[in-house]
PDB file of all heavy atoms in Angstrom:
ATOM      1  N   LYS A   1     -72.638-104.223  18.395  1.00  0.00           N
ATOM      2  CA  LYS A   1     -71.688-105.163  17.877  1.00  0.00           C
ATOM      3  C   LYS A   1     -70.227-104.958  18.356  1.00  0.00           C
ATOM      4  O   LYS A   1     -69.523-105.815  18.738  1.00  0.00           O
ATOM      5  CB  LYS A   1     -71.764-104.893  16.269  1.00  0.00           C
ATOM      6  CG  LYS A   1     -70.711-105.651  15.551  1.00  0.00           C
ATOM      7  CD  LYS A   1     -69.527-104.826  15.103  1.00  0.00           C
ATOM      8  CE  LYS A   1     -68.458-105.542  14.238  1.00  0.00           C
ATOM      9  NZ  LYS A   1     -67.247-104.679  13.941  1.00  0.00           N
ATOM     10  N   SER A   2     -69.871-103.609  18.538  1.00  0.00           N
ATOM     11  CA  SER A   2     -68.532-103.341  19.181  1.00  0.00           C
ATOM     12  C   SER A   2     -68.426-103.748  20.571  1.00  0.00           C
ATOM     13  O   SER A   2     -67.423-104.311  20.988  1.00  0.00           O
ATOM     14  CB  SER A   2     -68.417-101.785  18.997  1.00  0.00           C
ATOM     15  OG  SER A   2     -67.049-101.502  19.256  1.00  0.00           O
ATOM     16  N   LEU A   3     -69.446-103.533  21.319  1.00  0.00           N
ATOM     17  CA  LEU A   3     -69.432-103.960  22.762  1.00  0.00           C
ATOM     18  C   LEU A   3     -69.496-105.432  22.907  1.00  0.00           C
ATOM     19  O   LEU A   3     -68.740-106.026  23.646  1.00  0.00           O
ATOM     20  CB  LEU A   3     -70.695-103.253  23.515  1.00  0.00           C
ATOM     21  CG  LEU A   3     -70.845-103.648  24.914  1.00  0.00           C
ATOM     22  CD1 LEU A   3     -69.635-103.331  25.794  1.00  0.00           C
ATOM     23  CD2 LEU A   3     -72.052-102.977  25.530  1.00  0.00           C
ATOM     24  N   PHE A   4     -70.382-106.138  22.215  1.00  0.00           N
ATOM     25  CA  PHE A   4     -70.428-107.561  22.233  1.00  0.00           C
ATOM     26  C   PHE A   4     -69.151-108.177  21.829  1.00  0.00           C
ATOM     27  O   PHE A   4     -68.605-109.162  22.430  1.00  0.00           O
ATOM     28  CB  PHE A   4     -71.548-108.089  21.279  1.00  0.00           C
ATOM     29  CG  PHE A   4     -72.974-107.977  21.855  1.00  0.00           C
ATOM     30  CD1 PHE A   4     -74.006-108.014  20.959  1.00  0.00           C
ATOM     31  CD2 PHE A   4     -73.209-107.701  23.189  1.00  0.00           C
ATOM     32  CE1 PHE A   4     -75.300-107.858  21.390  1.00  0.00           C
ATOM     33  CE2 PHE A   4     -74.450-107.559  23.612  1.00  0.00           C
ATOM     34  CZ  PHE A   4     -75.530-107.703  22.774  1.00  0.00           C
ATOM     35  N   GLY A   5     -68.425-107.594  20.765  1.00  0.00           N
ATOM     36  CA  GLY A   5     -67.240-108.128  20.383  1.00  0.00           C
ATOM     37  C   GLY A   5     -66.170-108.087  21.387  1.00  0.00           C
ATOM     38  O   GLY A   5     -65.374-109.128  21.549  1.00  0.00           O
ATOM     39  N   LEU A   6     -66.032-106.988  22.059  1.00  0.00           N
ATOM     40  CA  LEU A   6     -65.158-106.856  23.184  1.00  0.00           C
ATOM     41  C   LEU A   6     -65.404-107.934  24.321  1.00  0.00           C
ATOM     42  O   LEU A   6     -64.495-108.612  24.794  1.00  0.00           O
ATOM     43  CB  LEU A   6     -65.197-105.475  23.729  1.00  0.00           C
ATOM     44  CG  LEU A   6     -64.332-105.247  25.022  1.00  0.00           C
ATOM     45  CD1 LEU A   6     -62.808-105.384  24.602  1.00  0.00           C
ATOM     46  CD2 LEU A   6     -64.559-103.764  25.590  1.00  0.00           C
ATOM     47  N   ILE A   7     -66.677-108.112  24.704  1.00  0.00           N
ATOM     48  CA  ILE A   7     -66.983-109.050  25.696  1.00  0.00           C
ATOM     49  C   ILE A   7     -66.728-110.499  25.251  1.00  0.00           C
ATOM     50  O   ILE A   7     -66.154-111.236  26.041  1.00  0.00           O
ATOM     51  CB  ILE A   7     -68.530-108.950  26.060  1.00  0.00           C
ATOM     52  CG1 ILE A   7     -68.933-107.490  26.773  1.00  0.00           C
ATOM     53  CG2 ILE A   7     -68.973-110.054  26.991  1.00  0.00           C
ATOM     54  CD1 ILE A   7     -70.197-107.248  26.901  1.00  0.00           C
ATOM     55  N   MET A   8     -67.002-110.762  24.053  1.00  0.00           N
ATOM     56  CA  MET A   8     -66.873-112.151  23.559  1.00  0.00           C
ATOM     57  C   MET A   8     -65.380-112.561  23.526  1.00  0.00           C
ATOM     58  O   MET A   8     -64.983-113.647  23.976  1.00  0.00           O
ATOM     59  CB  MET A   8     -67.505-112.387  22.192  1.00  0.00           C
ATOM     60  CG  MET A   8     -68.978-112.303  22.204  1.00  0.00           C
ATOM     61  SD  MET A   8     -69.733-112.769  20.655  1.00  0.00           S
ATOM     62  CE  MET A   8     -69.318-111.563  19.590  1.00  0.00           C
ATOM     63  N   ALA A   9     -64.528-111.598  23.019  1.00  0.00           N
ATOM     64  CA  ALA A   9     -63.091-111.865  22.790  1.00  0.00           C
ATOM     65  C   ALA A   9     -62.434-111.974  24.185  1.00  0.00           C
ATOM     66  O   ALA A   9     -61.352-112.713  24.248  1.00  0.00           O
ATOM     67  CB  ALA A   9     -62.484-110.921  22.003  1.00  0.00           C
ATOM     68  N   SER A  10     -62.919-111.375  25.231  1.00  0.00           N
ATOM     69  CA  SER A  10     -62.208-111.363  26.481  1.00  0.00           C
ATOM     70  C   SER A  10     -62.857-112.269  27.528  1.00  0.00           C
ATOM     71  O   SER A  10     -62.427-112.196  28.741  1.00  0.00           O
ATOM     72  CB  SER A  10     -62.049-109.876  26.969  1.00  0.00           C
ATOM     73  OG  SER A  10     -63.360-109.373  27.114  1.00  0.00           O
ATOM     74  N   GLY A  11     -63.846-112.991  27.126  1.00  0.00           N
ATOM     75  CA  GLY A  11     -64.585-113.754  28.083  1.00  0.00           C
ATOM     76  C   GLY A  11     -64.085-115.298  28.300  1.00  0.00           C
ATOM     77  O   GLY A  11     -62.979-115.547  27.969  1.00  0.00           O
ATOM     78  N   ALA A  12     -65.011-116.034  28.805  1.00  0.00           N
ATOM     79  CA  ALA A  12     -64.613-117.419  29.202  1.00  0.00           C
ATOM     80  C   ALA A  12     -64.966-118.523  28.151  1.00  0.00           C
ATOM     81  O   ALA A  12     -64.617-119.669  28.445  1.00  0.00           O
ATOM     82  CB  ALA A  12     -65.256-117.783  30.616  1.00  0.00           C
ATOM     83  N   CYS A  13     -65.513-118.126  27.001  1.00  0.00           N
ATOM     84  CA  CYS A  13     -65.830-119.075  25.974  1.00  0.00           C
ATOM     85  C   CYS A  13     -64.447-119.625  25.435  1.00  0.00           C
ATOM     86  O   CYS A  13     -63.549-118.878  24.942  1.00  0.00           O
ATOM     87  CB  CYS A  13     -66.611-118.483  24.792  1.00  0.00           C
ATOM     88  SG  CYS A  13     -66.769-119.539  23.383  1.00  0.00           S
ATOM     89  N   PRO A  14     -64.332-120.916  25.408  1.00  0.00           N
ATOM     90  CA  PRO A  14     -62.981-121.392  24.993  1.00  0.00           C
ATOM     91  C   PRO A  14     -62.611-121.226  23.513  1.00  0.00           C
ATOM     92  O   PRO A  14     -61.450-121.268  23.088  1.00  0.00           O
ATOM     93  CB  PRO A  14     -62.998-123.000  25.292  1.00  0.00           C
ATOM     94  CG  PRO A  14     -64.353-123.269  25.411  1.00  0.00           C
ATOM     95  CD  PRO A  14     -65.122-122.020  25.900  1.00  0.00           C
ATOM     96  N   ILE A  15     -63.682-120.989  22.687  1.00  0.00           N
ATOM     97  CA  ILE A  15     -63.393-120.666  21.275  1.00  0.00           C
ATOM     98  C   ILE A  15     -63.175-119.157  21.046  1.00  0.00           C
ATOM     99  O   ILE A  15     -62.162-118.737  20.448  1.00  0.00           O
ATOM    100  CB  ILE A  15     -64.630-121.247  20.468  1.00  0.00           C
ATOM    101  CG1 ILE A  15     -64.732-122.743  20.596  1.00  0.00           C
ATOM    102  CG2 ILE A  15     -64.457-120.828  18.899  1.00  0.00           C
ATOM    103  CD1 ILE A  15     -65.952-123.345  19.929  1.00  0.00           C
ATOM    104  N   LEU A  16     -64.126-118.391  21.532  1.00  0.00           N
ATOM    105  CA  LEU A  16     -64.060-116.934  21.310  1.00  0.00           C
ATOM    106  C   LEU A  16     -62.819-116.279  22.028  1.00  0.00           C
ATOM    107  O   LEU A  16     -62.230-115.320  21.589  1.00  0.00           O
ATOM    108  CB  LEU A  16     -65.289-116.244  21.826  1.00  0.00           C
ATOM    109  CG  LEU A  16     -66.557-116.668  20.996  1.00  0.00           C
ATOM    110  CD1 LEU A  16     -67.807-115.973  21.702  1.00  0.00           C
ATOM    111  CD2 LEU A  16     -66.494-116.306  19.529  1.00  0.00           C
ATOM    112  N   SER A  17     -62.410-116.936  23.094  1.00  0.00           N
ATOM    113  CA  SER A  17     -61.306-116.330  23.874  1.00  0.00           C
ATOM    114  C   SER A  17     -59.968-116.494  23.089  1.00  0.00           C
ATOM    115  O   SER A  17     -59.021-115.862  23.535  1.00  0.00           O
ATOM    116  CB  SER A  17     -61.172-117.058  25.324  1.00  0.00           C
ATOM    117  OG  SER A  17     -60.888-118.472  25.119  1.00  0.00           O
ATOM    118  N   ARG A  18     -59.933-117.292  22.169  1.00  0.00           N
ATOM    119  CA  ARG A  18     -58.732-117.321  21.305  1.00  0.00           C
ATOM    120  C   ARG A  18     -58.491-115.960  20.585  1.00  0.00           C
ATOM    121  O   ARG A  18     -57.362-115.658  20.100  1.00  0.00           O
ATOM    122  CB  ARG A  18     -58.835-118.393  20.238  1.00  0.00           C
ATOM    123  CG  ARG A  18     -58.816-119.793  20.799  1.00  0.00           C
ATOM    124  CD  ARG A  18     -59.058-120.953  19.733  1.00  0.00           C
ATOM    125  NE  ARG A  18     -57.935-120.991  18.763  1.00  0.00           N
ATOM    126  CZ  ARG A  18     -58.004-121.605  17.640  1.00  0.00           C
ATOM    127  NH1 ARG A  18     -59.118-122.425  17.442  1.00  0.00           N
ATOM    128  NH2 ARG A  18     -56.964-121.531  16.809  1.00  0.00           N
ATOM    129  N   LEU A  19     -59.511-115.172  20.543  1.00  0.00           N
ATOM    130  CA  LEU A  19     -59.308-113.677  19.962  1.00  0.00           C
ATOM    131  C   LEU A  19     -58.949-112.707  20.986  1.00  0.00           C
ATOM    132  O   LEU A  19     -59.005-111.553  20.707  1.00  0.00           O
ATOM    133  CB  LEU A  19     -60.606-113.340  19.321  1.00  0.00           C
ATOM    134  CG  LEU A  19     -61.215-114.219  18.174  1.00  0.00           C
ATOM    135  CD1 LEU A  19     -62.438-113.866  17.753  1.00  0.00           C
ATOM    136  CD2 LEU A  19     -60.143-114.219  17.072  1.00  0.00           C
ATOM    137  N   LYS A  20     -58.610-113.115  22.206  1.00  0.00           N
ATOM    138  CA  LYS A  20     -58.311-112.255  23.274  1.00  0.00           C
ATOM    139  C   LYS A  20     -57.301-111.125  22.987  1.00  0.00           C
ATOM    140  O   LYS A  20     -57.430-110.035  23.440  1.00  0.00           O
ATOM    141  CB  LYS A  20     -57.912-112.956  24.522  1.00  0.00           C
ATOM    142  CG  LYS A  20     -57.852-112.101  25.801  1.00  0.00           C
ATOM    143  CD  LYS A  20     -57.826-112.864  27.044  1.00  0.00           C
ATOM    144  CE  LYS A  20     -57.910-111.990  28.261  1.00  0.00           C
ATOM    145  NZ  LYS A  20     -57.911-112.721  29.597  1.00  0.00           N
ATOM    146  N   PRO A  21     -56.183-111.541  22.248  1.00  0.00           N
ATOM    147  CA  PRO A  21     -55.308-110.394  21.897  1.00  0.00           C
ATOM    148  C   PRO A  21     -55.904-109.250  21.237  1.00  0.00           C
ATOM    149  O   PRO A  21     -55.361-108.087  21.402  1.00  0.00           O
ATOM    150  CB  PRO A  21     -54.275-111.126  20.949  1.00  0.00           C
ATOM    151  CG  PRO A  21     -54.318-112.523  21.400  1.00  0.00           C
ATOM    152  CD  PRO A  21     -55.764-112.832  21.757  1.00  0.00           C
ATOM    153  N   LEU A  22     -56.945-109.548  20.334  1.00  0.00           N
ATOM    154  CA  LEU A  22     -57.627-108.380  19.808  1.00  0.00           C
ATOM    155  C   LEU A  22     -58.389-107.458  20.829  1.00  0.00           C
ATOM    156  O   LEU A  22     -58.484-106.228  20.645  1.00  0.00           O
ATOM    157  CB  LEU A  22     -58.678-108.927  18.711  1.00  0.00           C
ATOM    158  CG  LEU A  22     -58.069-109.764  17.513  1.00  0.00           C
ATOM    159  CD1 LEU A  22     -59.193-110.108  16.612  1.00  0.00           C
ATOM    160  CD2 LEU A  22     -56.983-108.989  16.876  1.00  0.00           C
ATOM    161  N   ALA A  23     -58.815-108.161  21.943  1.00  0.00           N
ATOM    162  CA  ALA A  23     -59.471-107.370  22.989  1.00  0.00           C
ATOM    163  C   ALA A  23     -58.459-106.447  23.692  1.00  0.00           C
ATOM    164  O   ALA A  23     -58.892-105.272  24.016  1.00  0.00           O
ATOM    165  CB  ALA A  23     -60.041-108.328  24.077  1.00  0.00           C
ATOM    166  N   HIS A  24     -57.328-106.886  23.832  1.00  0.00           N
ATOM    167  CA  HIS A  24     -56.254-105.966  24.416  1.00  0.00           C
ATOM    168  C   HIS A  24     -55.925-104.775  23.544  1.00  0.00           C
ATOM    169  O   HIS A  24     -55.504-103.843  24.098  1.00  0.00           O
ATOM    170  CB  HIS A  24     -54.935-106.756  24.658  1.00  0.00           C
ATOM    171  CG  HIS A  24     -54.986-107.640  25.874  1.00  0.00           C
ATOM    172  ND1 HIS A  24     -54.805-107.060  27.144  1.00  0.00           N
ATOM    173  CD2 HIS A  24     -55.328-108.910  26.189  1.00  0.00           C
ATOM    174  CE1 HIS A  24     -54.913-108.007  28.006  1.00  0.00           C
ATOM    175  NE2 HIS A  24     -55.268-109.166  27.544  1.00  0.00           N
ATOM    176  N   PHE A  25     -56.148-104.913  22.181  1.00  0.00           N
ATOM    177  CA  PHE A  25     -55.965-103.794  21.327  1.00  0.00           C
ATOM    178  C   PHE A  25     -57.278-103.451  20.682  1.00  0.00           C
ATOM    179  O   PHE A  25     -57.381-103.291  19.448  1.00  0.00           O
ATOM    180  CB  PHE A  25     -54.797-104.122  20.248  1.00  0.00           C
ATOM    181  CG  PHE A  25     -53.633-104.486  20.824  1.00  0.00           C
ATOM    182  CD1 PHE A  25     -53.198-105.863  21.140  1.00  0.00           C
ATOM    183  CD2 PHE A  25     -52.622-103.525  21.234  1.00  0.00           C
ATOM    184  CE1 PHE A  25     -51.986-106.161  21.668  1.00  0.00           C
ATOM    185  CE2 PHE A  25     -51.414-103.787  21.794  1.00  0.00           C
ATOM    186  CZ  PHE A  25     -51.065-105.166  21.947  1.00  0.00           C
ATOM    187  N   HIS A  26     -58.268-103.322  21.550  1.00  0.00           N
ATOM    188  CA  HIS A  26     -59.646-103.063  21.093  1.00  0.00           C
ATOM    189  C   HIS A  26     -59.718-101.825  20.255  1.00  0.00           C
ATOM    190  O   HIS A  26     -59.253-100.740  20.536  1.00  0.00           O
ATOM    191  CB  HIS A  26     -60.638-102.954  22.202  1.00  0.00           C
ATOM    192  CG  HIS A  26     -62.013-102.776  21.859  1.00  0.00           C
ATOM    193  ND1 HIS A  26     -62.744-103.600  21.084  1.00  0.00           N
ATOM    194  CD2 HIS A  26     -62.948-101.748  22.416  1.00  0.00           C
ATOM    195  CE1 HIS A  26     -64.055-103.199  20.914  1.00  0.00           C
ATOM    196  NE2 HIS A  26     -64.060-102.087  21.685  1.00  0.00           N
ATOM    197  N   LEU A  27     -60.437-101.945  19.064  1.00  0.00           N
ATOM    198  CA  LEU A  27     -60.679-100.724  18.227  1.00  0.00           C
ATOM    199  C   LEU A  27     -62.210-100.650  17.992  1.00  0.00           C
ATOM    200  O   LEU A  27     -62.714-101.454  17.196  1.00  0.00           O
ATOM    201  CB  LEU A  27     -59.957-100.909  16.877  1.00  0.00           C
ATOM    202  CG  LEU A  27     -60.174 -99.695  15.888  1.00  0.00           C
ATOM    203  CD1 LEU A  27     -59.584 -98.446  16.419  1.00  0.00           C
ATOM    204  CD2 LEU A  27     -59.451-100.003  14.537  1.00  0.00           C
ATOM    205  N   PRO A  28     -62.887 -99.696  18.838  1.00  0.00           N
ATOM    206  CA  PRO A  28     -64.298 -99.682  18.582  1.00  0.00           C
ATOM    207  C   PRO A  28     -64.693 -99.330  17.174  1.00  0.00           C
ATOM    208  O   PRO A  28     -64.066 -98.596  16.514  1.00  0.00           O
ATOM    209  CB  PRO A  28     -64.687 -98.457  19.609  1.00  0.00           C
ATOM    210  CG  PRO A  28     -63.487 -98.330  20.522  1.00  0.00           C
ATOM    211  CD  PRO A  28     -62.293 -98.829  19.733  1.00  0.00           C
ATOM    212  N   PHE A  29     -65.821 -99.888  16.762  1.00  0.00           N
ATOM    213  CA  PHE A  29     -66.458 -99.615  15.518  1.00  0.00           C
ATOM    214  C   PHE A  29     -65.483 -99.943  14.344  1.00  0.00           C
ATOM    215  O   PHE A  29     -65.547 -99.330  13.246  1.00  0.00           O
ATOM    216  CB  PHE A  29     -66.950 -98.217  15.393  1.00  0.00           C
ATOM    217  CG  PHE A  29     -67.803 -97.810  16.568  1.00  0.00           C
ATOM    218  CD1 PHE A  29     -67.278 -96.940  17.607  1.00  0.00           C
ATOM    219  CD2 PHE A  29     -69.047 -98.232  16.696  1.00  0.00           C
ATOM    220  CE1 PHE A  29     -68.031 -96.598  18.682  1.00  0.00           C
ATOM    221  CE2 PHE A  29     -69.830 -97.786  17.825  1.00  0.00           C
ATOM    222  CZ  PHE A  29     -69.283 -97.083  18.773  1.00  0.00           C
ATOM    223  N   ALA A  30     -64.695-100.976  14.474  1.00  0.00           N
ATOM    224  CA  ALA A  30     -63.760-101.366  13.489  1.00  0.00           C
ATOM    225  C   ALA A  30     -64.396-101.879  12.158  1.00  0.00           C
ATOM    226  O   ALA A  30     -65.476-102.468  12.240  1.00  0.00           O
ATOM    227  CB  ALA A  30     -62.736-102.483  13.951  1.00  0.00           C
TER     228      ALA A  30
END
């Protein structure tokens, strides 16, 4: 879940990539 979340937020999906700022401040196992 933690690894997938990082990949999804920082990837190329136009919807999930709106969460990219969270990837820059990634907190594992949040």
